[in-house]
């Protein structure tokens, strides 16, 4: 089973000059957790919802009246630049190992530097559910030994 068959091809992306607030809005509107950052078609970074939370918590200030204000920044300031990626020809098993060992939620899929998709934990789980036919009718035998 290959990443190219299970990845999401229509990837929502950002540019490095998009604002952090734009990134937050896009994540919320689309109910996603990761946004690849591209220049043209080339992957240059990735931003996660965790990156945004850290940014906003660090950047909040409260004045004497109790008004909370947040600084304005660009995605390039918070994106991860050294992105671990997969290629469409990599196996789902390899993606699973990277996601598990590195504690990632998603991996951009590239051909060269060109972003062609993204594979998430949910994609990997769905692939294993399909391959193991977990939702189908099955038989389970349990043996309890002393």
Protein backbone atom coordinates (compact mmCIF):
# COMPACT_ATOMS: atom_id res chain seq x y z
CA UNK A 1 0.00 0.00 0.00
CA UNK A 2 1.51 3.32 -1.07
CA UNK A 3 1.23 6.86 0.28
CA UNK A 4 0.27 8.17 -3.17
CA UNK A 5 -2.92 6.13 -3.14
CA UNK A 6 -4.03 7.28 0.33
CA UNK A 7 -2.86 10.91 0.52
CA UNK A 8 -5.08 13.96 0.21
CA UNK A 9 -4.29 15.58 -3.13
CA UNK A 10 -6.20 18.84 -2.77
CA UNK A 11 -4.05 20.39 -0.07
CA UNK A 12 -4.88 23.71 1.54
CA UNK A 13 -1.66 25.70 1.77
CA UNK A 14 -0.23 28.99 2.95
CA UNK A 15 2.53 31.24 1.71
CA UNK A 16 5.27 32.40 4.09
CA UNK A 17 3.87 35.95 3.97
CA UNK A 18 0.34 34.98 5.07
CA UNK A 19 -0.48 36.19 8.55
CA UNK A 20 -0.66 33.94 11.59
CA UNK A 21 -4.29 35.02 11.98
CA UNK A 22 -5.01 33.85 8.40
CA UNK A 23 -3.48 30.48 9.27
CA UNK A 24 -5.66 30.18 12.37
CA UNK A 25 -8.80 31.08 10.43
CA UNK A 26 -8.04 28.55 7.68
CA UNK A 27 -7.41 25.77 10.20
CA UNK A 28 -10.67 26.49 12.01
CA UNK A 29 -12.80 26.90 8.88
CA UNK A 30 -11.53 23.64 7.37
CA UNK A 31 -11.29 21.67 10.62
CA UNK A 32 -7.69 20.64 9.92
CA UNK A 33 -4.53 20.68 12.01
CA UNK A 34 -1.65 21.17 9.55
CA UNK A 35 -0.96 23.62 6.75
CA UNK A 36 1.95 23.16 4.37
CA UNK A 37 3.71 26.39 3.46
CA UNK A 38 4.63 26.79 -0.20
CA UNK A 39 6.37 29.23 -2.49
CA UNK A 40 4.92 28.54 -5.92
CA UNK A 41 4.55 24.76 -5.84
CA UNK A 42 7.62 24.11 -3.67
CA UNK A 43 7.25 23.11 -0.02
CA UNK A 44 9.19 25.47 2.27
CA UNK A 45 7.62 24.68 5.65
CA UNK A 46 4.63 23.51 7.65
CA UNK A 47 2.50 25.09 10.37
CA UNK A 48 0.44 23.12 12.88
CA UNK A 49 -2.31 24.14 15.26
CA UNK A 50 0.22 23.61 18.08
CA UNK A 51 2.55 26.18 16.49
CA UNK A 52 -0.32 28.66 16.42
CA UNK A 53 -1.29 28.05 20.06
CA UNK A 54 2.30 28.63 21.18
CA UNK A 55 2.51 31.81 19.09
CA UNK A 56 -0.68 33.28 20.51
CA UNK A 57 0.16 32.37 24.11
CA UNK A 58 3.60 33.93 23.81
CA UNK A 59 2.33 37.03 22.08
CA UNK A 60 -0.57 37.99 24.33
CA UNK A 61 -0.29 41.12 26.41
CA UNK A 62 -2.77 42.54 28.89
CA UNK A 63 -2.90 46.28 29.56
CA UNK A 64 -3.96 47.95 32.81
CA UNK A 65 -7.63 47.81 31.81
CA UNK A 66 -7.51 44.05 31.24
CA UNK A 67 -7.66 44.30 27.46
CA UNK A 68 -5.89 41.40 25.76
CA UNK A 69 -3.97 42.16 22.60
CA UNK A 70 -2.02 39.86 20.33
CA UNK A 71 0.89 40.64 18.13
CA UNK A 72 0.63 40.26 14.39
CA UNK A 73 3.08 38.01 12.60
CA UNK A 74 3.66 36.10 9.42
CA UNK A 75 3.67 32.37 8.90
CA UNK A 76 7.41 32.44 8.06
CA UNK A 77 8.08 33.37 11.70
CA UNK A 78 6.49 30.23 13.14
CA UNK A 79 6.69 27.58 10.42
CA UNK A 80 8.88 24.51 10.73
CA UNK A 81 11.44 24.77 7.96
CA UNK A 82 13.15 21.37 8.06
CA UNK A 83 10.08 19.38 7.13
CA UNK A 84 10.12 15.60 7.14
CA UNK A 85 8.28 14.48 4.02
CA UNK A 86 7.15 11.36 2.20
CA UNK A 87 7.03 10.62 -1.50
CA UNK A 88 4.03 9.05 -3.25
CA UNK A 89 6.03 5.82 -3.69
CA UNK A 90 6.72 5.39 0.03
CA UNK A 91 4.66 2.78 1.83
CA UNK A 92 1.89 3.49 4.31
CA UNK A 93 3.86 1.39 6.79
CA UNK A 94 6.80 3.80 6.49
CA UNK A 95 4.45 6.75 6.99
CA UNK A 96 3.00 5.05 10.07
CA UNK A 97 6.45 4.58 11.58
CA UNK A 98 7.43 8.21 11.00
CA UNK A 99 4.14 9.54 12.36
CA UNK A 100 4.41 7.35 15.45
CA UNK A 101 8.12 7.77 16.22
CA UNK A 102 8.21 11.52 15.60
CA UNK A 103 4.77 12.11 17.15
CA UNK A 104 3.54 13.96 14.05
CA UNK A 105 -0.03 14.31 12.92
CA UNK A 106 0.68 14.69 9.21
CA UNK A 107 3.42 14.47 6.61
CA UNK A 108 3.59 16.50 3.41
CA UNK A 109 4.04 14.39 0.29
CA UNK A 110 6.47 15.76 -2.29
CA UNK A 111 7.98 14.90 -5.63
CA UNK A 112 11.34 16.65 -5.54
CA UNK A 113 10.38 19.89 -3.81
CA UNK A 114 6.89 20.07 -5.33
CA UNK A 115 4.04 19.50 -2.87
CA UNK A 116 1.68 16.86 -4.29
CA UNK A 117 -0.33 15.88 -1.22
CA UNK A 118 -0.47 15.32 2.51
CA UNK A 119 -0.91 12.11 4.49
CA UNK A 120 -2.37 12.28 8.00
CA UNK A 121 -2.77 9.86 10.89
CA UNK A 122 -6.41 9.50 9.86
CA UNK A 123 -5.37 8.50 6.32
CA UNK A 124 -3.01 5.84 7.69
CA UNK A 125 -5.65 4.47 10.07
CA UNK A 126 -8.20 4.32 7.25
CA UNK A 127 -5.71 2.40 5.10
CA UNK A 128 -5.23 -0.22 7.83
CA UNK A 129 -8.96 -0.47 8.50
CA UNK A 130 -9.45 -1.18 4.78
CA UNK A 131 -6.59 -3.65 4.48
CA UNK A 132 -7.62 -5.59 7.60
CA UNK A 133 -11.30 -5.46 6.61
CA UNK A 134 -12.15 -4.47 10.18
CA UNK A 135 -15.57 -3.13 9.23
CA UNK A 136 -16.50 -6.30 7.38
CA UNK A 137 -18.10 -9.42 8.81
CA UNK A 138 -15.49 -11.45 10.57
CA UNK A 139 -14.86 -14.15 13.09
CA UNK A 140 -12.90 -13.77 16.27
CA UNK A 141 -11.66 -16.65 18.38
CA UNK A 142 -10.30 -15.99 21.83
CA UNK A 143 -8.34 -18.58 23.73
CA UNK A 144 -7.76 -18.04 27.43
CA UNK A 145 -4.90 -20.03 28.86
CA UNK A 146 -3.87 -20.37 32.52
